[in-house]
Amino acid sequence: MDQNLITGNIVDSALKVHTALGPGLLESAYEACLIHELSKRHFKTASQISLPVFYDGVTIDLGYRIDLLVEDEVIVELKAVERLHPVHKAQLLSYLKLSKKHVGLLLNFGELHLKDGIERVIL
């Protein structure tokens, strides 16, 4: 499936969730509602996927988890913070590298207007 179509639907779904709930909830609430919204649109969505680190020929589970993986193509990292920091983008970039995926979305539901908390990241 086209990554632009996927990311467009993710953003549209996130905007719908944020409009309904507003800022101030826990990340887990937005995650559950976004999964629901994406499933209504018939998108395959997996959540809290373990992401091991491969180092020196060894697989090491360090507890990293991808918040959402949509259509096995797009990683979605969710935040519910006052504002995004460079470390949040670095986290998503690391997840993209470790998973060998190419496109990710960083969504901050803590913003008053979600449009101010959306970053599309391409590896």
PDB file of N, CA and C in Angstrom:
ATOM      1  N   MET A   1       0.849  -1.176   0.000  1.00  0.00           N
ATOM      2  CA  MET A   1       0.000   0.000   0.000  1.00  0.00           C
ATOM      3  C   MET A   1       0.900   1.246   0.000  1.00  0.00           C
ATOM      4  N   ASP A   2       0.451   2.292  -0.617  1.00  0.00           N
ATOM      5  CA  ASP A   2       1.202   3.537  -0.722  1.00  0.00           C
ATOM      6  C   ASP A   2       1.404   4.168   0.664  1.00  0.00           C
ATOM      7  N   GLN A   3       2.659   4.492   0.983  1.00  0.00           N
ATOM      8  CA  GLN A   3       2.963   5.055   2.296  1.00  0.00           C
ATOM      9  C   GLN A   3       2.310   6.419   2.517  1.00  0.00           C
ATOM     10  N   ASN A   4       2.148   7.198   1.456  1.00  0.00           N
ATOM     11  CA  ASN A   4       1.466   8.489   1.597  1.00  0.00           C
ATOM     12  C   ASN A   4       0.001   8.304   1.967  1.00  0.00           C
ATOM     13  N   LEU A   5      -0.635   7.294   1.382  1.00  0.00           N
ATOM     14  CA  LEU A   5      -2.026   6.983   1.716  1.00  0.00           C
ATOM     15  C   LEU A   5      -2.125   6.542   3.178  1.00  0.00           C
ATOM     16  N   ILE A   6      -1.188   5.712   3.596  1.00  0.00           N
ATOM     17  CA  ILE A   6      -1.197   5.222   4.981  1.00  0.00           C
ATOM     18  C   ILE A   6      -1.000   6.387   5.949  1.00  0.00           C
ATOM     19  N   THR A   7       0.056   7.184   5.725  1.00  0.00           N
ATOM     20  CA  THR A   7       0.333   8.273   6.661  1.00  0.00           C
ATOM     21  C   THR A   7      -0.794   9.313   6.655  1.00  0.00           C
ATOM     22  N   GLY A   8      -1.379   9.556   5.505  1.00  0.00           N
ATOM     23  CA  GLY A   8      -2.503  10.490   5.440  1.00  0.00           C
ATOM     24  C   GLY A   8      -3.676  10.026   6.277  1.00  0.00           C
ATOM     25  N   ASN A   9      -3.971   8.738   6.208  1.00  0.00           N
ATOM     26  CA  ASN A   9      -5.071   8.186   7.004  1.00  0.00           C
ATOM     27  C   ASN A   9      -4.741   8.160   8.489  1.00  0.00           C
ATOM     28  N   ILE A  10      -3.482   7.909   8.824  1.00  0.00           N
ATOM     29  CA  ILE A  10      -3.080   7.934  10.234  1.00  0.00           C
ATOM     30  C   ILE A  10      -3.262   9.343  10.790  1.00  0.00           C
ATOM     31  N   VAL A  11      -2.779  10.336  10.073  1.00  0.00           N
ATOM     32  CA  VAL A  11      -2.903  11.729  10.525  1.00  0.00           C
ATOM     33  C   VAL A  11      -4.366  12.133  10.634  1.00  0.00           C
ATOM     34  N   ASP A  12      -5.158  11.783   9.639  1.00  0.00           N
ATOM     35  CA  ASP A  12      -6.581  12.113   9.675  1.00  0.00           C
ATOM     36  C   ASP A  12      -7.262  11.443  10.870  1.00  0.00           C
ATOM     37  N   SER A  13      -6.926  10.188  11.120  1.00  0.00           N
ATOM     38  CA  SER A  13      -7.493   9.473  12.266  1.00  0.00           C
ATOM     39  C   SER A  13      -7.054  10.106  13.581  1.00  0.00           C
ATOM     40  N   ALA A  14      -5.779  10.472  13.661  1.00  0.00           N
ATOM     41  CA  ALA A  14      -5.260  11.100  14.876  1.00  0.00           C
ATOM     42  C   ALA A  14      -5.946  12.438  15.140  1.00  0.00           C
ATOM     43  N   LEU A  15      -6.163  13.207  14.083  1.00  0.00           N
ATOM     44  CA  LEU A  15      -6.865  14.487  14.230  1.00  0.00           C
ATOM     45  C   LEU A  15      -8.285  14.269  14.752  1.00  0.00           C
ATOM     46  N   LYS A  16      -8.944  13.233  14.256  1.00  0.00           N
ATOM     47  CA  LYS A  16     -10.305  12.925  14.709  1.00  0.00           C
ATOM     48  C   LYS A  16     -10.305  12.558  16.196  1.00  0.00           C
ATOM     49  N   VAL A  17      -9.332  11.731  16.593  1.00  0.00           N
ATOM     50  CA  VAL A  17      -9.230  11.328  18.005  1.00  0.00           C
ATOM     51  C   VAL A  17      -8.942  12.550  18.875  1.00  0.00           C
ATOM     52  N   HIS A  18      -8.002  13.372  18.459  1.00  0.00           N
ATOM     53  CA  HIS A  18      -7.622  14.543  19.258  1.00  0.00           C
ATOM     54  C   HIS A  18      -8.768  15.549  19.350  1.00  0.00           C
ATOM     55  N   THR A  19      -9.515  15.715  18.280  1.00  0.00           N
ATOM     56  CA  THR A  19     -10.667  16.619  18.306  1.00  0.00           C
ATOM     57  C   THR A  19     -11.698  16.129  19.323  1.00  0.00           C
ATOM     58  N   ALA A  20     -11.895  14.826  19.382  1.00  0.00           N
ATOM     59  CA  ALA A  20     -12.886  14.267  20.302  1.00  0.00           C
ATOM     60  C   ALA A  20     -12.419  14.296  21.758  1.00  0.00           C
ATOM     61  N   LEU A  21     -11.134  14.021  21.988  1.00  0.00           N
ATOM     62  CA  LEU A  21     -10.641  13.871  23.362  1.00  0.00           C
ATOM     63  C   LEU A  21      -9.897  15.085  23.897  1.00  0.00           C
ATOM     64  N   GLY A  22      -9.255  15.844  22.996  1.00  0.00           N
ATOM     65  CA  GLY A  22      -8.448  16.972  23.435  1.00  0.00           C
ATOM     66  C   GLY A  22      -7.162  16.506  24.098  1.00  0.00           C
ATOM     67  N   PRO A  23      -6.314  17.444  24.495  1.00  0.00           N
ATOM     68  CA  PRO A  23      -5.067  17.082  25.175  1.00  0.00           C
ATOM     69  C   PRO A  23      -5.327  16.756  26.644  1.00  0.00           C
ATOM     70  N   GLY A  24      -4.330  16.154  27.297  1.00  0.00           N
ATOM     71  CA  GLY A  24      -4.406  15.957  28.740  1.00  0.00           C
ATOM     72  C   GLY A  24      -4.602  14.534  29.215  1.00  0.00           C
ATOM     73  N   LEU A  25      -4.819  13.606  28.295  1.00  0.00           N
ATOM     74  CA  LEU A  25      -4.984  12.205  28.699  1.00  0.00           C
ATOM     75  C   LEU A  25      -3.652  11.474  28.606  1.00  0.00           C
ATOM     76  N   LEU A  26      -3.637  10.250  29.079  1.00  0.00           N
ATOM     77  CA  LEU A  26      -2.448   9.419  28.971  1.00  0.00           C
ATOM     78  C   LEU A  26      -2.267   8.944  27.533  1.00  0.00           C
ATOM     79  N   GLU A  27      -1.028   8.692  27.183  1.00  0.00           N
ATOM     80  CA  GLU A  27      -0.697   8.192  25.845  1.00  0.00           C
ATOM     81  C   GLU A  27      -1.493   6.939  25.504  1.00  0.00           C
ATOM     82  N   SER A  28      -1.695   6.077  26.478  1.00  0.00           N
ATOM     83  CA  SER A  28      -2.406   4.812  26.237  1.00  0.00           C
ATOM     84  C   SER A  28      -3.845   5.043  25.773  1.00  0.00           C
ATOM     85  N   ALA A  29      -4.482   6.102  26.241  1.00  0.00           N
ATOM     86  CA  ALA A  29      -5.859   6.405  25.810  1.00  0.00           C
ATOM     87  C   ALA A  29      -5.878   6.778  24.331  1.00  0.00           C
ATOM     88  N   TYR A  30      -4.938   7.619  23.921  1.00  0.00           N
ATOM     89  CA  TYR A  30      -4.869   8.008  22.516  1.00  0.00           C
ATOM     90  C   TYR A  30      -4.513   6.811  21.641  1.00  0.00           C
ATOM     91  N   GLU A  31      -3.638   5.959  22.136  1.00  0.00           N
ATOM     92  CA  GLU A  31      -3.244   4.774  21.376  1.00  0.00           C
ATOM     93  C   GLU A  31      -4.452   3.875  21.113  1.00  0.00           C
ATOM     94  N   ALA A  32      -5.213   3.593  22.150  1.00  0.00           N
ATOM     95  CA  ALA A  32      -6.385   2.719  22.007  1.00  0.00           C
ATOM     96  C   ALA A  32      -7.409   3.318  21.047  1.00  0.00           C
ATOM     97  N   CYS A  33      -7.648   4.607  21.166  1.00  0.00           N
ATOM     98  CA  CYS A  33      -8.629   5.256  20.292  1.00  0.00           C
ATOM     99  C   CYS A  33      -8.134   5.345  18.849  1.00  0.00           C
ATOM    100  N   LEU A  34      -6.833   5.572  18.669  1.00  0.00           N
ATOM    101  CA  LEU A  34      -6.281   5.615  17.313  1.00  0.00           C
ATOM    102  C   LEU A  34      -6.344   4.232  16.663  1.00  0.00           C
ATOM    103  N   ILE A  35      -6.063   3.202  17.411  1.00  0.00           N
ATOM    104  CA  ILE A  35      -6.190   1.834  16.887  1.00  0.00           C
ATOM    105  C   ILE A  35      -7.631   1.587  16.450  1.00  0.00           C
ATOM    106  N   HIS A  36      -8.573   1.985  17.282  1.00  0.00           N
ATOM    107  CA  HIS A  36      -9.993   1.812  16.941  1.00  0.00           C
ATOM    108  C   HIS A  36     -10.338   2.552  15.649  1.00  0.00           C
ATOM    109  N   GLU A  37      -9.888   3.803  15.555  1.00  0.00           N
ATOM    110  CA  GLU A  37     -10.194   4.616  14.376  1.00  0.00           C
ATOM    111  C   GLU A  37      -9.574   4.006  13.119  1.00  0.00           C
ATOM    112  N   LEU A  38      -8.343   3.525  13.216  1.00  0.00           N
ATOM    113  CA  LEU A  38      -7.683   2.914  12.053  1.00  0.00           C
ATOM    114  C   LEU A  38      -8.348   1.599  11.663  1.00  0.00           C
ATOM    115  N   SER A  39      -8.814   0.846  12.657  1.00  0.00           N
ATOM    116  CA  SER A  39      -9.493  -0.422  12.338  1.00  0.00           C
ATOM    117  C   SER A  39     -10.814  -0.155  11.615  1.00  0.00           C
ATOM    118  N   LYS A  40     -11.493   0.939  11.950  1.00  0.00           N
ATOM    119  CA  LYS A  40     -12.720   1.300  11.229  1.00  0.00           C
ATOM    120  C   LYS A  40     -12.423   1.589   9.761  1.00  0.00           C
ATOM    121  N   ARG A  41     -11.200   2.018   9.478  1.00  0.00           N
ATOM    122  CA  ARG A  41     -10.786   2.314   8.109  1.00  0.00           C
ATOM    123  C   ARG A  41     -10.119   1.100   7.448  1.00  0.00           C
ATOM    124  N   HIS A  42     -10.162  -0.028   8.132  1.00  0.00           N
ATOM    125  CA  HIS A  42      -9.644  -1.300   7.623  1.00  0.00           C
ATOM    126  C   HIS A  42      -8.125  -1.313   7.439  1.00  0.00           C
ATOM    127  N   PHE A  43      -7.421  -0.614   8.334  1.00  0.00           N
ATOM    128  CA  PHE A  43      -5.966  -0.651   8.322  1.00  0.00           C
ATOM    129  C   PHE A  43      -5.480  -1.671   9.336  1.00  0.00           C
ATOM    130  N   LYS A  44      -4.536  -2.489   8.914  1.00  0.00           N
ATOM    131  CA  LYS A  44      -3.926  -3.473   9.800  1.00  0.00           C
ATOM    132  C   LYS A  44      -2.996  -2.722  10.745  1.00  0.00           C
ATOM    133  N   THR A  45      -3.275  -2.821  12.037  1.00  0.00           N
ATOM    134  CA  THR A  45      -2.507  -2.080  13.037  1.00  0.00           C
ATOM    135  C   THR A  45      -2.105  -3.010  14.169  1.00  0.00           C
ATOM    136  N   ALA A  46      -0.807  -2.997  14.482  1.00  0.00           N
ATOM    137  CA  ALA A  46      -0.291  -3.755  15.618  1.00  0.00           C
ATOM    138  C   ALA A  46       0.276  -2.759  16.623  1.00  0.00           C
ATOM    139  N   SER A  47       0.152  -3.081  17.898  1.00  0.00           N
ATOM    140  CA  SER A  47       0.626  -2.143  18.918  1.00  0.00           C
ATOM    141  C   SER A  47       1.603  -2.801  19.882  1.00  0.00           C
ATOM    142  N   GLN A  48       2.442  -1.953  20.464  1.00  0.00           N
ATOM    143  CA  GLN A  48       3.421  -2.351  21.465  1.00  0.00           C
ATOM    144  C   GLN A  48       4.260  -3.545  21.009  1.00  0.00           C
ATOM    145  N   ILE A  49       4.849  -3.398  19.829  1.00  0.00           N
ATOM    146  CA  ILE A  49       5.649  -4.458  19.218  1.00  0.00           C
ATOM    147  C   ILE A  49       7.063  -4.416  19.774  1.00  0.00           C
ATOM    148  N   SER A  50       7.521  -5.535  20.273  1.00  0.00           N
ATOM    149  CA  SER A  50       8.882  -5.641  20.796  1.00  0.00           C
ATOM    150  C   SER A  50       9.889  -5.383  19.676  1.00  0.00           C
ATOM    151  N   LEU A  51      10.930  -4.622  19.998  1.00  0.00           N
ATOM    152  CA  LEU A  51      11.941  -4.265  19.014  1.00  0.00           C
ATOM    153  C   LEU A  51      13.325  -4.569  19.595  1.00  0.00           C
ATOM    154  N   PRO A  52      13.841  -5.759  19.307  1.00  0.00           N
ATOM    155  CA  PRO A  52      15.154  -6.117  19.850  1.00  0.00           C
ATOM    156  C   PRO A  52      16.284  -5.388  19.121  1.00  0.00           C
ATOM    157  N   VAL A  53      17.434  -5.381  19.751  1.00  0.00           N
ATOM    158  CA  VAL A  53      18.639  -4.815  19.163  1.00  0.00           C
ATOM    159  C   VAL A  53      19.524  -5.979  18.719  1.00  0.00           C
ATOM    160  N   PHE A  54      20.008  -5.901  17.485  1.00  0.00           N
ATOM    161  CA  PHE A  54      20.933  -6.909  16.976  1.00  0.00           C
ATOM    162  C   PHE A  54      22.331  -6.316  17.054  1.00  0.00           C
ATOM    163  N   TYR A  55      23.174  -6.937  17.888  1.00  0.00           N
ATOM    164  CA  TYR A  55      24.518  -6.411  18.089  1.00  0.00           C
ATOM    165  C   TYR A  55      25.511  -7.569  18.155  1.00  0.00           C
ATOM    166  N   ASP A  56      26.554  -7.474  17.360  1.00  0.00           N
ATOM    167  CA  ASP A  56      27.647  -8.437  17.392  1.00  0.00           C
ATOM    168  C   ASP A  56      27.140  -9.867  17.214  1.00  0.00           C
ATOM    169  N   GLY A  57      26.162 -10.026  16.315  1.00  0.00           N
ATOM    170  CA  GLY A  57      25.632 -11.353  16.033  1.00  0.00           C
ATOM    171  C   GLY A  57      24.663 -11.882  17.068  1.00  0.00           C
ATOM    172  N   VAL A  58      24.284 -11.042  18.010  1.00  0.00           N
ATOM    173  CA  VAL A  58      23.411 -11.470  19.093  1.00  0.00           C
ATOM    174  C   VAL A  58      22.144 -10.604  19.100  1.00  0.00           C
ATOM    175  N   THR A  59      21.016 -11.224  19.369  1.00  0.00           N
ATOM    176  CA  THR A  59      19.759 -10.496  19.529  1.00  0.00           C
ATOM    177  C   THR A  59      19.579 -10.195  21.010  1.00  0.00           C
ATOM    178  N   ILE A  60      19.424  -8.905  21.317  1.00  0.00           N
ATOM    179  CA  ILE A  60      19.297  -8.483  22.705  1.00  0.00           C
ATOM    180  C   ILE A  60      17.962  -7.764  22.873  1.00  0.00           C
ATOM    181  N   ASP A  61      17.116  -8.291  23.779  1.00  0.00           N
ATOM    182  CA  ASP A  61      15.836  -7.646  24.060  1.00  0.00           C
ATOM    183  C   ASP A  61      16.057  -6.639  25.175  1.00  0.00           C
ATOM    184  N   LEU A  62      15.934  -5.364  24.843  1.00  0.00           N
ATOM    185  CA  LEU A  62      16.178  -4.289  25.798  1.00  0.00           C
ATOM    186  C   LEU A  62      14.893  -3.592  26.233  1.00  0.00           C
ATOM    187  N   GLY A  63      13.763  -4.136  25.813  1.00  0.00           N
ATOM    188  CA  GLY A  63      12.484  -3.564  26.228  1.00  0.00           C
ATOM    189  C   GLY A  63      11.952  -2.468  25.325  1.00  0.00           C
ATOM    190  N   TYR A  64      12.610  -2.228  24.174  1.00  0.00           N
ATOM    191  CA  TYR A  64      12.093  -1.224  23.249  1.00  0.00           C
ATOM    192  C   TYR A  64      10.796  -1.723  22.630  1.00  0.00           C
ATOM    193  N   ARG A  65       9.837  -0.802  22.475  1.00  0.00           N
ATOM    194  CA  ARG A  65       8.540  -1.161  21.912  1.00  0.00           C
ATOM    195  C   ARG A  65       8.089  -0.086  20.935  1.00  0.00           C
ATOM    196  N   ILE A  66       7.626  -0.545  19.781  1.00  0.00           N
ATOM    197  CA  ILE A  66       7.019   0.352  18.796  1.00  0.00           C
ATOM    198  C   ILE A  66       5.574   0.552  19.235  1.00  0.00           C
ATOM    199  N   ASP A  67       5.151   1.811  19.354  1.00  0.00           N
ATOM    200  CA  ASP A  67       3.771   2.080  19.785  1.00  0.00           C
ATOM    201  C   ASP A  67       2.776   1.477  18.800  1.00  0.00           C
ATOM    202  N   LEU A  68       2.887   1.854  17.525  1.00  0.00           N
ATOM    203  CA  LEU A  68       1.999   1.314  16.493  1.00  0.00           C
ATOM    204  C   LEU A  68       2.776   1.027  15.225  1.00  0.00           C
ATOM    205  N   LEU A  69       2.414  -0.036  14.564  1.00  0.00           N
ATOM    206  CA  LEU A  69       2.920  -0.348  13.233  1.00  0.00           C
ATOM    207  C   LEU A  69       1.694  -0.544  12.350  1.00  0.00           C
ATOM    208  N   VAL A  70       1.568   0.313  11.351  1.00  0.00           N
ATOM    209  CA  VAL A  70       0.384   0.307  10.494  1.00  0.00           C
ATOM    210  C   VAL A  70       0.738  -0.275   9.134  1.00  0.00           C
ATOM    211  N   GLU A  71      -0.030  -1.293   8.738  1.00  0.00           N
ATOM    212  CA  GLU A  71       0.150  -1.977   7.449  1.00  0.00           C
ATOM    213  C   GLU A  71       1.577  -2.500   7.269  1.00  0.00           C
ATOM    214  N   ASP A  72       2.244  -2.847   8.369  1.00  0.00           N
ATOM    215  CA  ASP A  72       3.633  -3.344   8.344  1.00  0.00           C
ATOM    216  C   ASP A  72       4.575  -2.392   7.632  1.00  0.00           C
ATOM    217  N   GLU A  73       4.186  -1.114   7.527  1.00  0.00           N
ATOM    218  CA  GLU A  73       4.958  -0.124   6.768  1.00  0.00           C
ATOM    219  C   GLU A  73       5.363   1.092   7.577  1.00  0.00           C
ATOM    220  N   VAL A  74       4.441   1.631   8.354  1.00  0.00           N
ATOM    221  CA  VAL A  74       4.646   2.926   8.996  1.00  0.00           C
ATOM    222  C   VAL A  74       4.661   2.761  10.515  1.00  0.00           C
ATOM    223  N   ILE A  75       5.750   3.243  11.129  1.00  0.00           N
ATOM    224  CA  ILE A  75       5.868   3.254  12.589  1.00  0.00           C
ATOM    225  C   ILE A  75       5.246   4.548  13.091  1.00  0.00           C
ATOM    226  N   VAL A  76       4.421   4.424  14.124  1.00  0.00           N
ATOM    227  CA  VAL A  76       3.811   5.599  14.739  1.00  0.00           C
ATOM    228  C   VAL A  76       4.265   5.637  16.193  1.00  0.00           C
ATOM    229  N   GLU A  77       4.943   6.705  16.548  1.00  0.00           N
ATOM    230  CA  GLU A  77       5.379   6.921  17.927  1.00  0.00           C
ATOM    231  C   GLU A  77       4.480   7.982  18.531  1.00  0.00           C
ATOM    232  N   LEU A  78       3.784   7.618  19.592  1.00  0.00           N
ATOM    233  CA  LEU A  78       2.824   8.512  20.232  1.00  0.00           C
ATOM    234  C   LEU A  78       3.424   9.153  21.476  1.00  0.00           C
ATOM    235  N   LYS A  79       3.112  10.406  21.649  1.00  0.00           N
ATOM    236  CA  LYS A  79       3.504  11.142  22.842  1.00  0.00           C
ATOM    237  C   LYS A  79       2.300  11.918  23.343  1.00  0.00           C
ATOM    238  N   ALA A  80       2.311  12.224  24.629  1.00  0.00           N
ATOM    239  CA  ALA A  80       1.294  13.085  25.233  1.00  0.00           C
ATOM    240  C   ALA A  80       2.040  14.014  26.195  1.00  0.00           C
ATOM    241  N   VAL A  81       2.866  14.870  25.615  1.00  0.00           N
ATOM    242  CA  VAL A  81       3.739  15.756  26.385  1.00  0.00           C
ATOM    243  C   VAL A  81       3.474  17.209  25.999  1.00  0.00           C
ATOM    244  N   GLU A  82       3.988  18.133  26.813  1.00  0.00           N
ATOM    245  CA  GLU A  82       3.768  19.549  26.553  1.00  0.00           C
ATOM    246  C   GLU A  82       4.311  19.964  25.192  1.00  0.00           C
ATOM    247  N   ARG A  83       5.518  19.481  24.866  1.00  0.00           N
ATOM    248  CA  ARG A  83       6.084  19.741  23.549  1.00  0.00           C
ATOM    249  C   ARG A  83       7.092  18.662  23.210  1.00  0.00           C
ATOM    250  N   LEU A  84       7.295  18.452  21.922  1.00  0.00           N
ATOM    251  CA  LEU A  84       8.265  17.462  21.467  1.00  0.00           C
ATOM    252  C   LEU A  84       9.680  18.004  21.636  1.00  0.00           C
ATOM    253  N   HIS A  85      10.602  17.094  21.895  1.00  0.00           N
ATOM    254  CA  HIS A  85      12.017  17.427  22.036  1.00  0.00           C
ATOM    255  C   HIS A  85      12.806  16.623  21.006  1.00  0.00           C
ATOM    256  N   PRO A  86      14.015  17.036  20.688  1.00  0.00           N
ATOM    257  CA  PRO A  86      14.833  16.290  19.718  1.00  0.00           C
ATOM    258  C   PRO A  86      14.995  14.812  20.060  1.00  0.00           C
ATOM    259  N   VAL A  87      15.002  14.473  21.330  1.00  0.00           N
ATOM    260  CA  VAL A  87      15.147  13.069  21.724  1.00  0.00           C
ATOM    261  C   VAL A  87      13.975  12.217  21.228  1.00  0.00           C
ATOM    262  N   HIS A  88      12.799  12.817  21.107  1.00  0.00           N
ATOM    263  CA  HIS A  88      11.633  12.070  20.614  1.00  0.00           C
ATOM    264  C   HIS A  88      11.820  11.691  19.144  1.00  0.00           C
ATOM    265  N   LYS A  89      12.325  12.619  18.355  1.00  0.00           N
ATOM    266  CA  LYS A  89      12.601  12.326  16.944  1.00  0.00           C
ATOM    267  C   LYS A  89      13.738  11.314  16.832  1.00  0.00           C
ATOM    268  N   ALA A  90      14.750  11.444  17.683  1.00  0.00           N
ATOM    269  CA  ALA A  90      15.864  10.494  17.686  1.00  0.00           C
ATOM    270  C   ALA A  90      15.376   9.083  18.012  1.00  0.00           C
ATOM    271  N   GLN A  91      14.429   8.978  18.930  1.00  0.00           N
ATOM    272  CA  GLN A  91      13.848   7.683  19.282  1.00  0.00           C
ATOM    273  C   GLN A  91      13.174   7.059  18.066  1.00  0.00           C
ATOM    274  N   LEU A  92      12.376   7.837  17.358  1.00  0.00           N
ATOM    275  CA  LEU A  92      11.693   7.323  16.170  1.00  0.00           C
ATOM    276  C   LEU A  92      12.705   6.926  15.096  1.00  0.00           C
ATOM    277  N   LEU A  93      13.717   7.742  14.885  1.00  0.00           N
ATOM    278  CA  LEU A  93      14.761   7.398  13.905  1.00  0.00           C
ATOM    279  C   LEU A  93      15.446   6.083  14.278  1.00  0.00           C
ATOM    280  N   SER A  94      15.723   5.881  15.546  1.00  0.00           N
ATOM    281  CA  SER A  94      16.339   4.626  16.001  1.00  0.00           C
ATOM    282  C   SER A  94      15.418   3.441  15.734  1.00  0.00           C
ATOM    283  N   TYR A  95      14.129   3.616  16.006  1.00  0.00           N
ATOM    284  CA  TYR A  95      13.170   2.547  15.748  1.00  0.00           C
ATOM    285  C   TYR A  95      13.102   2.221  14.257  1.00  0.00           C
ATOM    286  N   LEU A  96      13.157   3.236  13.422  1.00  0.00           N
ATOM    287  CA  LEU A  96      13.153   3.007  11.976  1.00  0.00           C
ATOM    288  C   LEU A  96      14.390   2.206  11.559  1.00  0.00           C
ATOM    289  N   LYS A  97      15.541   2.567  12.072  1.00  0.00           N
ATOM    290  CA  LYS A  97      16.785   1.862  11.732  1.00  0.00           C
ATOM    291  C   LYS A  97      16.746   0.419  12.211  1.00  0.00           C
ATOM    292  N   LEU A  98      16.350   0.232  13.477  1.00  0.00           N
ATOM    293  CA  LEU A  98      16.337  -1.116  14.047  1.00  0.00           C
ATOM    294  C   LEU A  98      15.340  -2.030  13.348  1.00  0.00           C
ATOM    295  N   SER A  99      14.221  -1.468  12.906  1.00  0.00           N
ATOM    296  CA  SER A  99      13.166  -2.277  12.274  1.00  0.00           C
ATOM    297  C   SER A  99      13.302  -2.366  10.762  1.00  0.00           C
ATOM    298  N   LYS A 100      14.232  -1.580  10.215  1.00  0.00           N
ATOM    299  CA  LYS A 100      14.426  -1.520   8.759  1.00  0.00           C
ATOM    300  C   LYS A 100      13.177  -1.017   8.030  1.00  0.00           C
ATOM    301  N   LYS A 101      12.436  -0.139   8.695  1.00  0.00           N
ATOM    302  CA  LYS A 101      11.294   0.544   8.072  1.00  0.00           C
ATOM    303  C   LYS A 101      11.781   1.905   7.595  1.00  0.00           C
ATOM    304  N   HIS A 102      11.020   2.545   6.724  1.00  0.00           N
ATOM    305  CA  HIS A 102      11.485   3.784   6.114  1.00  0.00           C
ATOM    306  C   HIS A 102      10.691   5.029   6.487  1.00  0.00           C
ATOM    307  N   VAL A 103       9.460   4.845   6.970  1.00  0.00           N
ATOM    308  CA  VAL A 103       8.607   5.999   7.250  1.00  0.00           C
ATOM    309  C   VAL A 103       8.019   5.878   8.651  1.00  0.00           C
ATOM    310  N   GLY A 104       8.044   7.000   9.365  1.00  0.00           N
ATOM    311  CA  GLY A 104       7.461   7.040  10.691  1.00  0.00           C
ATOM    312  C   GLY A 104       6.734   8.342  10.932  1.00  0.00           C
ATOM    313  N   LEU A 105       5.815   8.305  11.866  1.00  0.00           N
ATOM    314  CA  LEU A 105       5.093   9.505  12.295  1.00  0.00           C
ATOM    315  C   LEU A 105       5.276   9.666  13.792  1.00  0.00           C
ATOM    316  N   LEU A 106       5.580  10.878  14.191  1.00  0.00           N
ATOM    317  CA  LEU A 106       5.660  11.242  15.589  1.00  0.00           C
ATOM    318  C   LEU A 106       4.451  12.124  15.866  1.00  0.00           C
ATOM    319  N   LEU A 107       3.575  11.658  16.753  1.00  0.00           N
ATOM    320  CA  LEU A 107       2.330  12.370  17.040  1.00  0.00           C
ATOM    321  C   LEU A 107       2.285  12.753  18.516  1.00  0.00           C
ATOM    322  N   ASN A 108       2.188  14.048  18.791  1.00  0.00           N
ATOM    323  CA  ASN A 108       2.114  14.517  20.168  1.00  0.00           C
ATOM    324  C   ASN A 108       0.700  14.983  20.488  1.00  0.00           C
ATOM    325  N   PHE A 109      -0.029  14.141  21.199  1.00  0.00           N
ATOM    326  CA  PHE A 109      -1.404  14.451  21.575  1.00  0.00           C
ATOM    327  C   PHE A 109      -1.491  15.463  22.719  1.00  0.00           C
ATOM    328  N   GLY A 110      -0.342  15.850  23.276  1.00  0.00           N
ATOM    329  CA  GLY A 110      -0.333  16.835  24.346  1.00  0.00           C
ATOM    330  C   GLY A 110      -0.473  18.263  23.865  1.00  0.00           C
ATOM    331  N   GLU A 111      -0.339  18.472  22.569  1.00  0.00           N
ATOM    332  CA  GLU A 111      -0.477  19.820  21.995  1.00  0.00           C
ATOM    333  C   GLU A 111      -1.936  20.269  22.039  1.00  0.00           C
ATOM    334  N   LEU A 112      -2.122  21.572  22.180  1.00  0.00           N
ATOM    335  CA  LEU A 112      -3.475  22.122  22.139  1.00  0.00           C
ATOM    336  C   LEU A 112      -4.113  21.846  20.780  1.00  0.00           C
ATOM    337  N   HIS A 113      -3.319  22.011  19.720  1.00  0.00           N
ATOM    338  CA  HIS A 113      -3.746  21.694  18.352  1.00  0.00           C
ATOM    339  C   HIS A 113      -2.810  20.615  17.826  1.00  0.00           C
ATOM    340  N   LEU A 114      -3.340  19.452  17.546  1.00  0.00           N
ATOM    341  CA  LEU A 114      -2.505  18.321  17.140  1.00  0.00           C
ATOM    342  C   LEU A 114      -1.641  18.647  15.932  1.00  0.00           C
ATOM    343  N   LYS A 115      -2.131  19.493  15.033  1.00  0.00           N
ATOM    344  CA  LYS A 115      -1.362  19.819  13.823  1.00  0.00           C
ATOM    345  C   LYS A 115       0.021  20.369  14.183  1.00  0.00           C
ATOM    346  N   ASP A 116       0.166  20.951  15.385  1.00  0.00           N
ATOM    347  CA  ASP A 116       1.442  21.474  15.838  1.00  0.00           C
ATOM    348  C   ASP A 116       2.358  20.382  16.398  1.00  0.00           C
ATOM    349  N   GLY A 117       1.831  19.175  16.537  1.00  0.00           N
ATOM    350  CA  GLY A 117       2.597  18.083  17.142  1.00  0.00           C
ATOM    351  C   GLY A 117       2.741  16.885  16.223  1.00  0.00           C
ATOM    352  N   ILE A 118       2.791  17.125  14.923  1.00  0.00           N
ATOM    353  CA  ILE A 118       2.934  16.043  13.941  1.00  0.00           C
ATOM    354  C   ILE A 118       4.254  16.203  13.199  1.00  0.00           C
ATOM    355  N   GLU A 119       5.050  15.137  13.207  1.00  0.00           N
ATOM    356  CA  GLU A 119       6.274  15.118  12.425  1.00  0.00           C
ATOM    357  C   GLU A 119       6.330  13.822  11.624  1.00  0.00           C
ATOM    358  N   ARG A 120       6.574  13.959  10.346  1.00  0.00           N
ATOM    359  CA  ARG A 120       6.770  12.797   9.471  1.00  0.00           C
ATOM    360  C   ARG A 120       8.269  12.619   9.320  1.00  0.00           C
ATOM    361  N   VAL A 121       8.753  11.420   9.567  1.00  0.00           N
ATOM    362  CA  VAL A 121      10.186  11.142   9.541  1.00  0.00           C
ATOM    363  C   VAL A 121      10.448  10.068   8.495  1.00  0.00           C
ATOM    364  N   ILE A 122      11.391  10.337   7.629  1.00  0.00           N
ATOM    365  CA  ILE A 122      11.769   9.381   6.592  1.00  0.00           C
ATOM    366  C   ILE A 122      13.226   9.013   6.793  1.00  0.00           C
ATOM    367  N   LEU A 123      13.504   7.722   6.795  1.00  0.00           N
ATOM    368  CA  LEU A 123      14.874   7.244   6.972  1.00  0.00           C
ATOM    369  C   LEU A 123      15.569   7.205   5.631  1.00  0.00           C
TER     370      LEU A 123
END
